[in-house]
């Protein structure tokens, strides 16, 4: 569940399940990167901007065992035209625990045509008819 914070920030938790395993007993790095990307993507919702990931640079600092809850925090660091710069961390052992994974991202604002031209028409129509339905259904859940 992601929550809006001060400024343009969000926090979330993600618990690593057995299906998220890479090496035996440890989270797959791609899953951790996806969790950060999902959290960073929630920032666009706060900015009321449709944006897609243009770049995601991820650093893996500590192993994250299966069963661990990752405490995620993301914030916008700058906006320049269509570009949204942001950063995120994933901590283990609590919101003030050591950083296990971090990411810097560039999101790019796009028009809705980006999705209507490339997405599945029935899902695009449902989202356009009720823009909040996707977030309500997911409850801002970070679940790569």
C-alpha atoms as a PDB file:
ATOM      1  CA  UNK A   1       0.000   0.000   0.000  1.00  0.00           C
ATOM      2  CA  UNK A   2       1.510   3.349  -1.051  1.00  0.00           C
ATOM      3  CA  UNK A   3       0.806   6.550   0.861  1.00  0.00           C
ATOM      4  CA  UNK A   4       1.379  10.169  -0.157  1.00  0.00           C
ATOM      5  CA  UNK A   5       3.907  12.034   1.983  1.00  0.00           C
ATOM      6  CA  UNK A   6       5.083  15.611   2.359  1.00  0.00           C
ATOM      7  CA  UNK A   7       5.891  17.330  -0.918  1.00  0.00           C
ATOM      8  CA  UNK A   8       5.825  14.885  -3.797  1.00  0.00           C
ATOM      9  CA  UNK A   9       6.779  11.684  -1.987  1.00  0.00           C
ATOM     10  CA  UNK A  10       5.284   8.261  -1.494  1.00  0.00           C
ATOM     11  CA  UNK A  11       6.069   5.380   0.827  1.00  0.00           C
ATOM     12  CA  UNK A  12       5.133   1.742   0.364  1.00  0.00           C
ATOM     13  CA  UNK A  13       5.919  -1.730   1.610  1.00  0.00           C
ATOM     14  CA  UNK A  14       6.619  -4.802  -0.478  1.00  0.00           C
ATOM     15  CA  UNK A  15       7.006  -8.265   1.041  1.00  0.00           C
ATOM     16  CA  UNK A  16       9.179 -10.625  -0.969  1.00  0.00           C
ATOM     17  CA  UNK A  17       7.291 -13.868  -1.636  1.00  0.00           C
ATOM     18  CA  UNK A  18       8.730 -17.238  -2.767  1.00  0.00           C
ATOM     19  CA  UNK A  19       7.585 -16.460  -6.337  1.00  0.00           C
ATOM     20  CA  UNK A  20       9.914 -13.396  -6.275  1.00  0.00           C
ATOM     21  CA  UNK A  21      12.992 -15.557  -5.644  1.00  0.00           C
ATOM     22  CA  UNK A  22      16.049 -15.316  -7.857  1.00  0.00           C
ATOM     23  CA  UNK A  23      18.992 -17.052  -6.198  1.00  0.00           C
ATOM     24  CA  UNK A  24      17.860 -19.608  -3.611  1.00  0.00           C
ATOM     25  CA  UNK A  25      16.225 -17.773  -0.720  1.00  0.00           C
ATOM     26  CA  UNK A  26      16.835 -14.287  -2.131  1.00  0.00           C
ATOM     27  CA  UNK A  27      14.730 -11.780  -4.040  1.00  0.00           C
ATOM     28  CA  UNK A  28      15.341 -11.521  -7.776  1.00  0.00           C
ATOM     29  CA  UNK A  29      16.951  -8.191  -8.636  1.00  0.00           C
ATOM     30  CA  UNK A  30      14.451  -7.590 -11.443  1.00  0.00           C
ATOM     31  CA  UNK A  31      11.574  -7.933  -9.001  1.00  0.00           C
ATOM     32  CA  UNK A  32      13.201  -5.433  -6.635  1.00  0.00           C
ATOM     33  CA  UNK A  33      13.721  -3.026  -9.557  1.00  0.00           C
ATOM     34  CA  UNK A  34      10.044  -3.475 -10.482  1.00  0.00           C
ATOM     35  CA  UNK A  35       8.978  -2.660  -6.927  1.00  0.00           C
ATOM     36  CA  UNK A  36      11.012   0.552  -7.079  1.00  0.00           C
ATOM     37  CA  UNK A  37       9.615   1.372 -10.537  1.00  0.00           C
ATOM     38  CA  UNK A  38       6.027   0.878  -9.296  1.00  0.00           C
ATOM     39  CA  UNK A  39       6.673   3.131  -6.312  1.00  0.00           C
ATOM     40  CA  UNK A  40       8.335   5.778  -8.478  1.00  0.00           C
ATOM     41  CA  UNK A  41       5.444   5.538 -10.946  1.00  0.00           C
ATOM     42  CA  UNK A  42       3.022   6.465  -8.164  1.00  0.00           C
ATOM     43  CA  UNK A  43       4.635   9.903  -8.065  1.00  0.00           C
ATOM     44  CA  UNK A  44       3.085  10.760 -11.430  1.00  0.00           C
ATOM     45  CA  UNK A  45      -0.324  10.136  -9.909  1.00  0.00           C
ATOM     46  CA  UNK A  46       0.409  12.804  -7.280  1.00  0.00           C
ATOM     47  CA  UNK A  47       1.583  15.189 -10.005  1.00  0.00           C
ATOM     48  CA  UNK A  48      -1.592  14.417 -11.991  1.00  0.00           C
ATOM     49  CA  UNK A  49       0.648  13.602 -14.935  1.00  0.00           C
ATOM     50  CA  UNK A  50       0.618  10.645 -17.288  1.00  0.00           C
ATOM     51  CA  UNK A  51       4.237   9.530 -17.450  1.00  0.00           C
ATOM     52  CA  UNK A  52       6.239   6.465 -18.401  1.00  0.00           C
ATOM     53  CA  UNK A  53       9.631   5.247 -17.260  1.00  0.00           C
ATOM     54  CA  UNK A  54      12.339   6.599 -19.535  1.00  0.00           C
ATOM     55  CA  UNK A  55      15.306   5.441 -17.465  1.00  0.00           C
ATOM     56  CA  UNK A  56      15.660   3.432 -14.282  1.00  0.00           C
ATOM     57  CA  UNK A  57      19.114   3.028 -12.767  1.00  0.00           C
ATOM     58  CA  UNK A  58      19.152   0.585  -9.864  1.00  0.00           C
ATOM     59  CA  UNK A  59      21.859  -0.154  -7.296  1.00  0.00           C
ATOM     60  CA  UNK A  60      21.679  -3.374  -5.268  1.00  0.00           C
ATOM     61  CA  UNK A  61      23.453  -2.855  -1.953  1.00  0.00           C
ATOM     62  CA  UNK A  62      22.300  -5.723   0.286  1.00  0.00           C
ATOM     63  CA  UNK A  63      20.726  -9.123  -0.353  1.00  0.00           C
ATOM     64  CA  UNK A  64      16.979  -9.216   0.340  1.00  0.00           C
ATOM     65  CA  UNK A  65      15.836 -12.625   1.630  1.00  0.00           C
ATOM     66  CA  UNK A  66      12.465 -14.135   0.742  1.00  0.00           C
ATOM     67  CA  UNK A  67       9.981 -13.152   3.451  1.00  0.00           C
ATOM     68  CA  UNK A  68      11.567  -9.738   3.973  1.00  0.00           C
ATOM     69  CA  UNK A  69       9.428  -6.618   3.857  1.00  0.00           C
ATOM     70  CA  UNK A  70      11.063  -3.896   1.817  1.00  0.00           C
ATOM     71  CA  UNK A  71      10.191  -0.370   2.983  1.00  0.00           C
ATOM     72  CA  UNK A  72      10.089   1.826  -0.098  1.00  0.00           C
ATOM     73  CA  UNK A  73      10.243   5.594  -0.321  1.00  0.00           C
ATOM     74  CA  UNK A  74      10.231   7.660  -3.514  1.00  0.00           C
ATOM     75  CA  UNK A  75      10.388  11.379  -4.188  1.00  0.00           C
ATOM     76  CA  UNK A  76      10.429  13.764  -7.102  1.00  0.00           C
ATOM     77  CA  UNK A  77      13.741  15.598  -7.229  1.00  0.00           C
ATOM     78  CA  UNK A  78      13.085  17.854 -10.252  1.00  0.00           C
ATOM     79  CA  UNK A  79      10.676  18.547 -13.072  1.00  0.00           C
ATOM     80  CA  UNK A  80      11.912  20.043 -16.347  1.00  0.00           C
ATOM     81  CA  UNK A  81       9.373  20.283 -19.135  1.00  0.00           C
ATOM     82  CA  UNK A  82       8.141  16.740 -19.834  1.00  0.00           C
ATOM     83  CA  UNK A  83      10.900  15.184 -17.705  1.00  0.00           C
ATOM     84  CA  UNK A  84      10.286  14.087 -14.107  1.00  0.00           C
ATOM     85  CA  UNK A  85      13.399  13.161 -12.154  1.00  0.00           C
ATOM     86  CA  UNK A  86      12.968  11.024  -9.071  1.00  0.00           C
ATOM     87  CA  UNK A  87      14.771   8.790  -6.617  1.00  0.00           C
ATOM     88  CA  UNK A  88      13.764   5.864  -4.426  1.00  0.00           C
ATOM     89  CA  UNK A  89      15.154   3.626  -1.721  1.00  0.00           C
ATOM     90  CA  UNK A  90      14.194   0.211  -0.403  1.00  0.00           C
ATOM     91  CA  UNK A  91      15.129  -0.461   3.219  1.00  0.00           C
ATOM     92  CA  UNK A  92      15.127  -3.681   5.196  1.00  0.00           C
ATOM     93  CA  UNK A  93      14.344  -4.048   8.887  1.00  0.00           C
ATOM     94  CA  UNK A  94      11.993  -1.057   9.000  1.00  0.00           C
ATOM     95  CA  UNK A  95      11.567   2.392   7.478  1.00  0.00           C
ATOM     96  CA  UNK A  96      14.820   3.550   9.101  1.00  0.00           C
ATOM     97  CA  UNK A  97      16.753   0.342   8.366  1.00  0.00           C
ATOM     98  CA  UNK A  98      19.697   0.003   6.039  1.00  0.00           C
ATOM     99  CA  UNK A  99      19.189   0.708   2.335  1.00  0.00           C
ATOM    100  CA  UNK A 100      19.199  -2.572   0.400  1.00  0.00           C
ATOM    101  CA  UNK A 101      18.301  -1.172  -3.015  1.00  0.00           C
ATOM    102  CA  UNK A 102      18.022   2.304  -4.504  1.00  0.00           C
ATOM    103  CA  UNK A 103      17.091   3.782  -7.849  1.00  0.00           C
ATOM    104  CA  UNK A 104      17.228   7.010  -9.777  1.00  0.00           C
ATOM    105  CA  UNK A 105      14.668   7.450 -12.505  1.00  0.00           C
ATOM    106  CA  UNK A 106      13.607   9.666 -15.332  1.00  0.00           C
ATOM    107  CA  UNK A 107       9.923   9.573 -16.194  1.00  0.00           C
ATOM    108  CA  UNK A 108       8.649  11.250 -19.348  1.00  0.00           C
ATOM    109  CA  UNK A 109       5.221  12.831 -19.581  1.00  0.00           C
ATOM    110  CA  UNK A 110       3.161  11.365 -22.413  1.00  0.00           C
ATOM    111  CA  UNK A 111      -0.243  12.021 -23.897  1.00  0.00           C
ATOM    112  CA  UNK A 112      -3.019   9.469 -23.540  1.00  0.00           C
ATOM    113  CA  UNK A 113      -2.428   8.539 -27.204  1.00  0.00           C
ATOM    114  CA  UNK A 114       0.717   6.747 -26.076  1.00  0.00           C
ATOM    115  CA  UNK A 115      -1.580   4.150 -24.526  1.00  0.00           C
ATOM    116  CA  UNK A 116      -4.457   4.256 -27.001  1.00  0.00           C
ATOM    117  CA  UNK A 117      -2.005   3.674 -29.854  1.00  0.00           C
ATOM    118  CA  UNK A 118      -0.120   0.835 -28.154  1.00  0.00           C
ATOM    119  CA  UNK A 119      -2.305  -0.646 -25.381  1.00  0.00           C
ATOM    120  CA  UNK A 120      -5.274  -3.017 -25.247  1.00  0.00           C
ATOM    121  CA  UNK A 121      -8.364  -1.056 -26.353  1.00  0.00           C
ATOM    122  CA  UNK A 122     -10.817  -2.472 -23.775  1.00  0.00           C
ATOM    123  CA  UNK A 123      -8.526  -1.654 -20.841  1.00  0.00           C
ATOM    124  CA  UNK A 124      -7.739   1.806 -22.214  1.00  0.00           C
ATOM    125  CA  UNK A 125     -11.466   2.555 -22.604  1.00  0.00           C
ATOM    126  CA  UNK A 126     -12.194   1.404 -19.020  1.00  0.00           C
ATOM    127  CA  UNK A 127      -9.397   3.604 -17.652  1.00  0.00           C
ATOM    128  CA  UNK A 128     -10.557   6.621 -19.676  1.00  0.00           C
ATOM    129  CA  UNK A 129     -14.158   6.131 -18.519  1.00  0.00           C
ATOM    130  CA  UNK A 130     -13.076   5.950 -14.853  1.00  0.00           C
ATOM    131  CA  UNK A 131      -9.466   7.155 -14.324  1.00  0.00           C
ATOM    132  CA  UNK A 132      -9.468   6.236 -10.628  1.00  0.00           C
ATOM    133  CA  UNK A 133     -10.605   2.626 -11.159  1.00  0.00           C
ATOM    134  CA  UNK A 134      -7.101   1.240 -11.680  1.00  0.00           C
ATOM    135  CA  UNK A 135      -5.750   2.757  -8.461  1.00  0.00           C
ATOM    136  CA  UNK A 136      -8.837   1.750  -6.470  1.00  0.00           C
ATOM    137  CA  UNK A 137      -8.548  -1.811  -7.702  1.00  0.00           C
ATOM    138  CA  UNK A 138      -4.868  -1.967  -6.746  1.00  0.00           C
ATOM    139  CA  UNK A 139      -5.199   0.234  -3.633  1.00  0.00           C
ATOM    140  CA  UNK A 140      -1.844   1.671  -4.688  1.00  0.00           C
ATOM    141  CA  UNK A 141      -0.368  -1.753  -4.008  1.00  0.00           C
ATOM    142  CA  UNK A 142       3.245  -2.272  -4.946  1.00  0.00           C
ATOM    143  CA  UNK A 143       3.158  -5.789  -6.334  1.00  0.00           C
ATOM    144  CA  UNK A 144       5.521  -6.483  -9.231  1.00  0.00           C
END
